[in-house]
C-alpha cells in the first residue's frame, strides 16, 4: 500500500512538473512581436524566415503610408509596437519626446555590417545621441520619375512639374514635408524653413500647380507609373528603381536645385512589451542574407555595406536611384538636406498643407443659390400682387 501511495505521489509530481513545463513552452509560443513599417518595404519571405528562426514568435506586421500616420498610431493610448521604422526627422522627434528605448548594441552583433559612412552622416546631422537609438534600414533620395515616351523636354529641374504641357499628367506625393520640399527647393529655400513668408510662398506655388496635378498619391504611384498612367511623378528612389525595372520607358532624375537625402532606421518604442525579441528582430534584419533579400525585393539602397556593393552593379541597381553618386553625400555636385524635426512649428506645416489640399472654391454655387433666392422673392411678390387684384 505504501508503494502504491509513493508511486501515486511521484506520478502526480511528474504530471505537475510536466504540465508547468508545457505551459511555459506554450507561453513562449504565444509571443507576438508587433512590427510597424512602411508599405511595400520588406522582402517577401523575410517575416516567415524570422518566424522559422524563432518558432515561439508570431510577427504581427502592419504598415503605414507616412511618418505622420505612424506617429498618430504610436501615440495612441493602446499602442504596443515593438519595432517601428520611421524616417530620420521623425526619429529625432521621438527621441525628444522620450518615446524610444536606447538600444543595447551588444544584442545586435550584425550592426557591424552597417556602412560607417551612413552612421557618420547621422552623427553629423543629428548628433551622436541619435545613433544610440537607431539602426539604419534603407537610405535614398526623392526625385522625379518620368516617362520618356511622353516627356520630350529636358528633365533636370523641379520646375517641369509646373509645365502646362503636362497638365493632368503629374503625380505629386501626398506628404506635407515631401511636397513642400519640392516647392521650397524650387524657390531656393531650405526644406526645413521655419520662415512663414517662405512657407506661404511655397504654399501658393503648390496651389498654382494644382490644376496640373493628376493626383496626390502614396504607394499607389508604383503600379500607376508602371502602367504609364502619368508622364511625371515625385517618387522615392527605391520606388523609382522598382518602377524602372518593370517599365523600360521610365527614367529617374535628381533635380539640380537639390533634394532630400533620407535614412530610415529601425527603433524600439517605449511601448514595446518584448524588448529583447525586438533586438533580435533588428539584428536579423542586419544579416547580409536578409538585407540582400530586402534590397532585391523593394529595391531601396541598403546601408549594409557588403550588400550595397554586391548589387550596385546589377542591371536594376545601375542607376542614380539606387546609387545616388550625383549628390554631395557621395561626392557629387547636387546639394542635399536631411529633414529636421520642426518642433512646435510643425503646426504651421500642417496648416499650410491643409490649405494646399483644400478644394478650390466653387463660385458657381453661391451664384445659383442667389439666383434661386431672388427668383423665390420675385415669385412671392408677384403672387402677392395677383392676390390683391382679386
Protein backbone atom coordinates (compact mmCIF):
# COMPACT_ATOMS: atom_id res chain seq x y z
CA UNK A 1 0.00 0.00 0.00
CA UNK A 2 2.85 2.34 0.87
CA UNK A 3 4.48 1.63 -2.53
CA UNK A 4 1.20 2.49 -4.27
CA UNK A 5 0.95 5.80 -2.38
CA UNK A 6 4.59 6.65 -3.16
CA UNK A 7 4.05 5.74 -6.82
CA UNK A 8 0.91 7.84 -6.98
CA UNK A 9 2.75 10.76 -5.37
CA UNK A 10 5.59 10.51 -7.90
CA UNK A 11 3.12 10.31 -10.78
CA UNK A 12 1.26 13.41 -9.59
CA UNK A 13 4.54 15.28 -9.06
CA UNK A 14 5.74 14.32 -12.54
CA UNK A 15 2.38 15.37 -14.01
CA UNK A 16 2.53 18.79 -12.30
CA UNK A 17 6.13 19.43 -13.42
CA UNK A 18 5.29 18.30 -16.97
CA UNK A 19 2.20 20.49 -17.08
CA UNK A 20 4.07 23.56 -15.79
CA UNK A 21 6.90 22.98 -18.27
CA UNK A 22 4.42 22.56 -21.07
CA UNK A 23 2.63 25.73 -20.02
CA UNK A 24 5.92 27.60 -20.19
CA UNK A 25 6.58 26.32 -23.73
CA UNK A 26 3.06 27.25 -24.77
CA UNK A 27 3.52 30.69 -23.27
CA UNK A 28 6.74 31.12 -25.26
CA UNK A 29 4.97 30.02 -28.42
CA UNK A 30 2.45 32.80 -27.94
CA UNK A 31 4.91 35.70 -28.08
CA UNK A 32 3.62 38.30 -30.50
CA UNK A 33 6.10 40.81 -31.94
CA UNK A 34 4.36 43.92 -33.27
CA UNK A 35 6.28 45.40 -36.20
CA UNK A 36 5.07 48.62 -37.83
CA UNK A 37 6.66 49.55 -41.17
CA UNK A 38 6.11 51.43 -44.40
CA UNK A 39 4.05 49.71 -47.10
CA UNK A 40 5.98 47.69 -49.73
CA UNK A 41 9.14 47.93 -47.61
CA UNK A 42 10.29 44.42 -46.73
CA UNK A 43 11.33 41.25 -48.55
CA UNK A 44 8.51 38.89 -49.47
CA UNK A 45 9.64 36.00 -47.26
CA UNK A 46 11.59 37.86 -44.56
CA UNK A 47 8.91 37.70 -41.86
CA UNK A 48 8.35 33.98 -42.36
CA UNK A 49 12.14 33.40 -42.25
CA UNK A 50 12.32 35.23 -38.92
CA UNK A 51 9.44 33.14 -37.55
CA UNK A 52 11.25 29.98 -38.68
CA UNK A 53 14.37 31.05 -36.78
CA UNK A 54 12.28 31.91 -33.70
CA UNK A 55 9.41 29.39 -33.66
CA UNK A 56 7.99 30.82 -30.43
CA UNK A 57 7.37 34.20 -32.10
CA UNK A 58 4.49 35.32 -34.25
CA UNK A 59 5.08 38.63 -36.03
CA UNK A 60 2.11 40.95 -36.24
CA UNK A 61 3.22 43.04 -39.23
CA UNK A 62 1.27 46.20 -40.12
CA UNK A 63 2.04 49.14 -42.40
CA UNK A 64 1.59 52.89 -42.70
CA UNK A 65 1.89 55.39 -45.57
CA UNK A 66 3.51 58.38 -43.85
CA UNK A 67 5.59 59.28 -40.81
CA UNK A 68 2.71 61.38 -39.56
CA UNK A 69 0.28 58.44 -39.72
CA UNK A 70 2.79 56.31 -37.83
CA UNK A 71 3.20 58.99 -35.15
CA UNK A 72 -0.55 59.26 -34.64
CA UNK A 73 -0.88 55.49 -34.17
CA UNK A 74 2.22 55.23 -31.96
CA UNK A 75 0.99 57.92 -29.59
CA UNK A 76 -2.50 56.44 -29.29
CA UNK A 77 -3.24 55.18 -25.78
CA UNK A 78 -3.37 51.47 -26.68
CA UNK A 79 -0.28 51.31 -28.92
CA UNK A 80 2.06 48.37 -28.24
CA UNK A 81 4.54 48.37 -31.13
CA UNK A 82 7.84 46.56 -30.60
CA UNK A 83 9.75 47.72 -33.72
CA UNK A 84 8.99 50.71 -35.94
CA UNK A 85 10.93 52.06 -38.93
CA UNK A 86 10.46 55.83 -39.23
CA UNK A 87 12.43 58.43 -41.15
CA UNK A 88 15.23 60.43 -39.59
CA UNK A 89 13.34 63.62 -38.70
CA UNK A 90 10.52 61.66 -37.07
CA UNK A 91 13.05 59.67 -35.03
CA UNK A 92 14.54 62.98 -33.91
CA UNK A 93 11.09 63.98 -32.63
CA UNK A 94 10.53 60.65 -30.89
CA UNK A 95 13.89 60.95 -29.10
CA UNK A 96 13.00 64.45 -27.89
CA UNK A 97 9.71 63.11 -26.54
CA UNK A 98 11.39 60.14 -24.77
CA UNK A 99 9.39 57.63 -26.81
CA UNK A 100 12.29 55.35 -27.78
CA UNK A 101 14.35 52.71 -25.98
CA UNK A 102 18.13 53.16 -26.06
CA UNK A 103 19.46 50.13 -27.94
CA UNK A 104 21.86 47.59 -26.47
CA UNK A 105 24.22 47.20 -29.44
CA UNK A 106 25.80 44.10 -27.83
CA UNK A 107 22.49 42.38 -28.65
CA UNK A 108 22.80 43.46 -32.29
CA UNK A 109 26.13 41.93 -33.44
CA UNK A 110 25.15 42.44 -37.10
CA UNK A 111 25.25 46.20 -36.50
CA UNK A 112 28.92 45.93 -37.54
CA UNK A 113 27.68 45.32 -41.10
CA UNK A 114 26.22 48.82 -41.39
CA UNK A 115 28.20 51.29 -43.52
CA UNK A 116 30.31 53.64 -41.42
CA UNK A 117 29.60 56.49 -43.84
CA UNK A 118 25.85 56.18 -43.18
CA UNK A 119 26.38 56.13 -39.41
CA UNK A 120 28.69 59.15 -39.69
CA UNK A 121 26.08 61.01 -41.76
CA UNK A 122 23.53 60.53 -38.98
CA UNK A 123 26.11 61.62 -36.40
CA UNK A 124 26.91 64.72 -38.44
CA UNK A 125 23.28 65.77 -38.90
CA UNK A 126 21.62 64.69 -35.66
CA UNK A 127 24.43 64.22 -33.15
CA UNK A 128 25.94 61.08 -31.62
CA UNK A 129 22.95 60.63 -29.32
CA UNK A 130 20.83 59.74 -32.36
CA UNK A 131 22.70 56.52 -33.11
CA UNK A 132 22.13 55.25 -29.58
CA UNK A 133 18.51 54.63 -30.58
CA UNK A 134 18.77 53.64 -34.24
CA UNK A 135 19.94 51.03 -36.72
CA UNK A 136 19.76 52.20 -40.38
CA UNK A 137 17.38 50.21 -42.59
CA UNK A 138 17.38 51.93 -46.01
CA UNK A 139 18.54 55.26 -47.44
CA UNK A 140 17.75 57.23 -50.56
CA UNK A 141 16.57 60.40 -52.23
CA UNK A 142 13.39 62.00 -53.57
CA UNK A 143 13.30 62.84 -57.27
CA UNK A 144 11.29 62.92 -60.48
CA UNK A 145 10.35 59.77 -62.36
CA UNK A 146 9.29 60.45 -65.94
CA UNK A 147 8.03 58.57 -68.99
CA UNK A 148 10.50 59.09 -71.84
CA UNK A 149 7.76 58.41 -74.41
CA UNK A 150 5.65 61.30 -73.09
CA UNK A 151 8.20 63.84 -71.85
CA UNK A 152 10.26 65.37 -74.65
CA UNK A 153 11.73 68.28 -72.67
CA UNK A 154 14.88 68.11 -70.55
CA UNK A 155 14.12 66.91 -67.03
CA UNK A 156 16.67 68.37 -64.65
CA UNK A 157 14.62 70.75 -62.50
CA UNK A 158 11.61 70.68 -60.21
CA UNK A 159 10.17 73.40 -62.46
CA UNK A 160 8.94 70.86 -65.01
CA UNK A 161 6.23 69.91 -62.51
CA UNK A 162 4.71 73.35 -63.25
CA UNK A 163 4.87 72.94 -67.05
CA UNK A 164 1.36 73.34 -68.54
CA UNK A 165 2.26 70.98 -71.36
CA UNK A 166 1.89 68.16 -68.83
CA UNK A 167 -1.45 69.20 -67.38
CA UNK A 168 -3.15 66.26 -65.60
CA UNK A 169 -0.03 64.17 -66.29
CA UNK A 170 1.67 64.79 -62.94
CA UNK A 171 1.62 62.74 -59.73
CA UNK A 172 2.57 64.63 -56.57
CA UNK A 173 3.34 62.85 -53.30
CA UNK A 174 0.63 63.08 -50.66
CA UNK A 175 3.05 64.12 -47.93
CA UNK A 176 3.37 67.59 -46.44
CA UNK A 177 7.14 67.50 -45.97
CA UNK A 178 7.95 65.97 -49.37
CA UNK A 179 5.64 68.16 -51.45
CA UNK A 180 6.59 71.34 -49.60
CA UNK A 181 10.23 70.33 -50.04
CA UNK A 182 9.74 70.36 -53.83
CA UNK A 183 8.32 73.89 -53.81
CA UNK A 184 10.83 75.22 -51.26
CA UNK A 185 13.80 73.83 -53.19
CA UNK A 186 12.48 75.27 -56.46
CA UNK A 187 12.20 78.68 -54.77
CA UNK A 188 15.76 78.39 -53.45
CA UNK A 189 14.83 77.91 -49.78
CA UNK A 190 15.74 75.29 -47.20
CA UNK A 191 13.31 72.41 -46.99
CA UNK A 192 13.49 72.91 -43.21
CA UNK A 193 12.39 76.53 -43.42
CA UNK A 194 10.60 77.98 -40.43
CA UNK A 195 10.09 81.30 -42.18
CA UNK A 196 6.34 81.81 -42.59
CA UNK A 197 6.78 84.05 -45.64
CA UNK A 198 8.82 81.35 -47.39
CA UNK A 199 6.28 78.67 -46.48
CA UNK A 200 3.39 80.82 -47.74
CA UNK A 201 5.29 81.34 -50.98
CA UNK A 202 5.75 77.58 -51.29
CA UNK A 203 2.06 77.09 -50.50
CA UNK A 204 1.00 79.49 -53.25
CA UNK A 205 3.35 77.72 -55.63
CA UNK A 206 1.72 74.36 -54.89
CA UNK A 207 -1.80 75.82 -55.11
CA UNK A 208 -0.93 77.29 -58.53
CA UNK A 209 0.25 73.81 -59.58
CA UNK A 210 -2.96 72.03 -58.54
CA UNK A 211 -4.79 72.34 -61.92
CA UNK A 212 -1.85 70.45 -63.48
CA UNK A 213 -1.80 67.62 -60.91
CA UNK A 214 -3.49 64.38 -61.88
CA UNK A 215 -3.50 63.09 -58.29
CA UNK A 216 -1.76 63.24 -54.90
CA UNK A 217 -0.58 59.68 -54.20
CA UNK A 218 1.45 57.45 -51.91
CA UNK A 219 2.27 53.76 -52.54
CA UNK A 220 -0.24 53.52 -55.39
CA UNK A 221 2.17 55.53 -57.56
CA UNK A 222 4.23 52.37 -58.07
CA UNK A 223 1.61 50.44 -60.04
CA UNK A 224 0.27 53.61 -61.66
CA UNK A 225 3.63 54.57 -63.14
CA UNK A 226 4.37 51.00 -64.18
CA UNK A 227 1.15 51.31 -66.22
CA UNK A 228 2.31 54.73 -67.53
CA UNK A 229 -0.75 56.50 -66.15
CA UNK A 230 1.10 59.82 -65.99
CA UNK A 231 4.11 61.49 -67.54
CA UNK A 232 5.82 62.71 -64.37
CA UNK A 233 5.80 61.71 -60.70
CA UNK A 234 7.54 62.73 -57.50
CA UNK A 235 8.80 59.44 -56.04
CA UNK A 236 11.20 57.95 -53.56
CA UNK A 237 14.34 56.50 -55.12
CA UNK A 238 13.63 52.84 -54.29
CA UNK A 239 10.17 53.05 -55.84
CA UNK A 240 11.80 54.59 -58.90
CA UNK A 241 14.30 51.71 -59.17
CA UNK A 242 11.47 49.18 -58.98
CA UNK A 243 9.27 51.00 -61.49
CA UNK A 244 12.17 51.31 -63.93
CA UNK A 245 12.83 47.57 -63.65
CA UNK A 246 9.21 46.94 -64.66
CA UNK A 247 8.83 49.66 -67.31
CA UNK A 248 11.82 50.38 -69.57
CA UNK A 249 10.36 53.75 -70.65
CA UNK A 250 10.85 55.25 -67.18
CA UNK A 251 13.83 57.34 -66.05
CA UNK A 252 14.72 58.95 -62.71
CA UNK A 253 16.41 62.28 -62.10
CA UNK A 254 17.52 64.19 -59.00
CA UNK A 255 16.75 67.86 -59.75
CA UNK A 256 19.60 70.36 -59.83
CA UNK A 257 18.00 72.57 -57.14
CA UNK A 258 18.67 69.78 -54.64
CA UNK A 259 16.56 67.32 -52.71
CA UNK A 260 16.10 65.33 -49.53
CA UNK A 261 18.66 62.68 -48.59
CA UNK A 262 16.91 60.45 -46.08
CA UNK A 263 17.77 57.49 -43.88
CA UNK A 264 15.03 55.30 -42.41
CA UNK A 265 16.05 53.38 -39.29
CA UNK A 266 14.79 50.62 -37.03
CA UNK A 267 13.97 51.71 -33.49
CA UNK A 268 12.24 50.25 -30.42
CA UNK A 269 9.47 52.42 -28.97
CA UNK A 270 8.84 52.54 -25.24
CA UNK A 271 5.51 50.82 -25.95
CA UNK A 272 7.40 47.56 -26.57
CA UNK A 273 6.46 44.59 -24.41
CA UNK A 274 9.21 42.42 -25.97
CA UNK A 275 12.38 44.50 -25.95
CA UNK A 276 14.79 41.53 -26.10
CA UNK A 277 12.97 39.97 -29.04
CA UNK A 278 12.81 43.37 -30.74
CA UNK A 279 16.63 43.48 -30.56
CA UNK A 280 16.75 40.02 -32.15
CA UNK A 281 14.47 41.20 -34.97
CA UNK A 282 16.66 44.23 -35.67
CA UNK A 283 19.80 42.06 -35.63
CA UNK A 284 18.11 39.61 -38.01
CA UNK A 285 17.36 42.43 -40.46
CA UNK A 286 21.05 43.41 -40.50
CA UNK A 287 22.19 39.93 -41.51
CA UNK A 288 23.68 40.24 -45.02
CA UNK A 289 21.50 37.48 -46.47
CA UNK A 290 18.33 39.08 -45.11
CA UNK A 291 19.45 42.59 -46.10
CA UNK A 292 20.11 41.26 -49.61
CA UNK A 293 16.63 39.73 -49.78
CA UNK A 294 15.17 43.05 -48.64
CA UNK A 295 17.04 45.27 -51.08
CA UNK A 296 16.47 42.98 -54.08
CA UNK A 297 12.74 42.89 -53.36
CA UNK A 298 11.99 46.53 -52.56
CA UNK A 299 14.98 48.00 -54.46
CA UNK A 300 15.90 50.64 -51.90
CA UNK A 301 19.57 51.31 -51.13
CA UNK A 302 20.90 49.06 -48.37
CA UNK A 303 23.10 50.52 -45.59
CA UNK A 304 24.63 47.04 -45.18
CA UNK A 305 27.86 47.83 -46.99
CA UNK A 306 28.61 44.38 -48.41
CA UNK A 307 25.06 44.12 -49.78
CA UNK A 308 25.19 47.57 -51.40
CA UNK A 309 28.49 46.72 -53.08
CA UNK A 310 27.18 43.35 -54.22
CA UNK A 311 24.08 44.63 -56.03
CA UNK A 312 25.18 48.09 -57.21
CA UNK A 313 26.47 46.65 -60.49
CA UNK A 314 23.32 44.68 -61.25
CA UNK A 315 21.15 46.00 -64.08
CA UNK A 316 18.25 47.09 -61.87
CA UNK A 317 20.59 48.91 -59.45
CA UNK A 318 22.92 50.51 -62.01
CA UNK A 319 21.27 53.93 -61.81
CA UNK A 320 21.17 57.06 -59.61
CA UNK A 321 18.01 55.83 -57.91
CA UNK A 322 19.91 53.03 -56.18
CA UNK A 323 23.37 54.59 -56.31
CA UNK A 324 22.91 58.37 -55.94
CA UNK A 325 26.53 59.20 -56.75
CA UNK A 326 25.49 62.60 -58.18
CA UNK A 327 24.63 64.02 -54.73
CA UNK A 328 27.03 65.71 -52.34
CA UNK A 329 26.85 62.90 -49.77
CA UNK A 330 28.71 60.67 -52.24
CA UNK A 331 30.96 63.29 -53.80
CA UNK A 332 28.58 64.66 -56.45
CA UNK A 333 27.52 68.23 -57.19
CA UNK A 334 23.81 68.18 -56.28
CA UNK A 335 23.29 69.54 -52.78
CA UNK A 336 21.01 67.70 -50.38
CA UNK A 337 19.46 68.26 -46.99
CA UNK A 338 18.05 65.94 -44.37
CA UNK A 339 14.70 66.73 -42.83
CA UNK A 340 14.81 68.06 -39.28
CA UNK A 341 12.06 67.94 -36.70
CA UNK A 342 10.41 71.40 -36.72
CA UNK A 343 9.13 71.00 -33.16
CA UNK A 344 6.02 73.06 -32.43
CA UNK A 345 6.39 74.73 -35.82
CA UNK A 346 5.00 71.50 -37.32
CA UNK A 347 1.56 73.01 -36.69
CA UNK A 348 2.35 75.65 -39.30
CA UNK A 349 3.36 72.93 -41.76
CA UNK A 350 0.07 71.16 -41.04
CA UNK A 351 -1.95 74.32 -41.66
CA UNK A 352 -0.08 75.13 -44.86
CA UNK A 353 -0.52 71.62 -46.22
CA UNK A 354 -4.24 71.58 -45.44
CA UNK A 355 -4.60 74.85 -47.34
CA UNK A 356 -2.83 73.27 -50.31
CA UNK A 357 -5.16 70.27 -50.30
CA UNK A 358 -8.34 72.29 -49.67
CA UNK A 359 -10.81 72.09 -52.57
CA UNK A 360 -10.94 75.16 -54.74
CA UNK A 361 -13.97 77.35 -54.04
CA UNK A 362 -16.83 76.84 -56.49
CA UNK A 363 -18.12 80.33 -57.18
CA UNK A 364 -20.96 79.00 -59.35
CA UNK A 365 -22.80 77.51 -56.36
CA UNK A 366 -23.38 80.81 -54.48
CA UNK A 367 -24.44 82.43 -57.77
CA UNK A 368 -27.02 79.69 -58.34
CA UNK A 369 -28.24 79.95 -54.73
CA UNK A 370 -28.51 83.71 -55.05
CA UNK A 371 -30.47 83.40 -58.29
CA UNK A 372 -32.84 80.87 -56.70
CA UNK A 373 -33.39 83.18 -53.71
CA UNK A 374 -34.07 86.16 -55.98
CA UNK A 375 -36.48 84.13 -58.09
CA UNK A 376 -38.23 83.00 -54.91
CA UNK A 377 -38.57 86.55 -53.64
CA UNK A 378 -39.75 87.75 -57.05
CA UNK A 379 -42.26 84.93 -57.28
CA UNK A 380 -43.57 85.70 -53.81
CA UNK A 381 -44.22 89.37 -54.56
CA UNK A 382 -45.77 88.51 -57.92
CA UNK A 383 -48.10 86.08 -56.14
CA UNK A 384 -49.00 88.75 -53.55
CA UNK A 385 -49.76 91.38 -56.20
CA UNK A 386 -52.00 89.00 -58.13
CA UNK A 387 -53.83 88.10 -54.94
CA UNK A 388 -54.58 91.80 -54.31
CA UNK A 389 -56.05 92.14 -57.82
CA UNK A 390 -58.65 89.57 -56.91
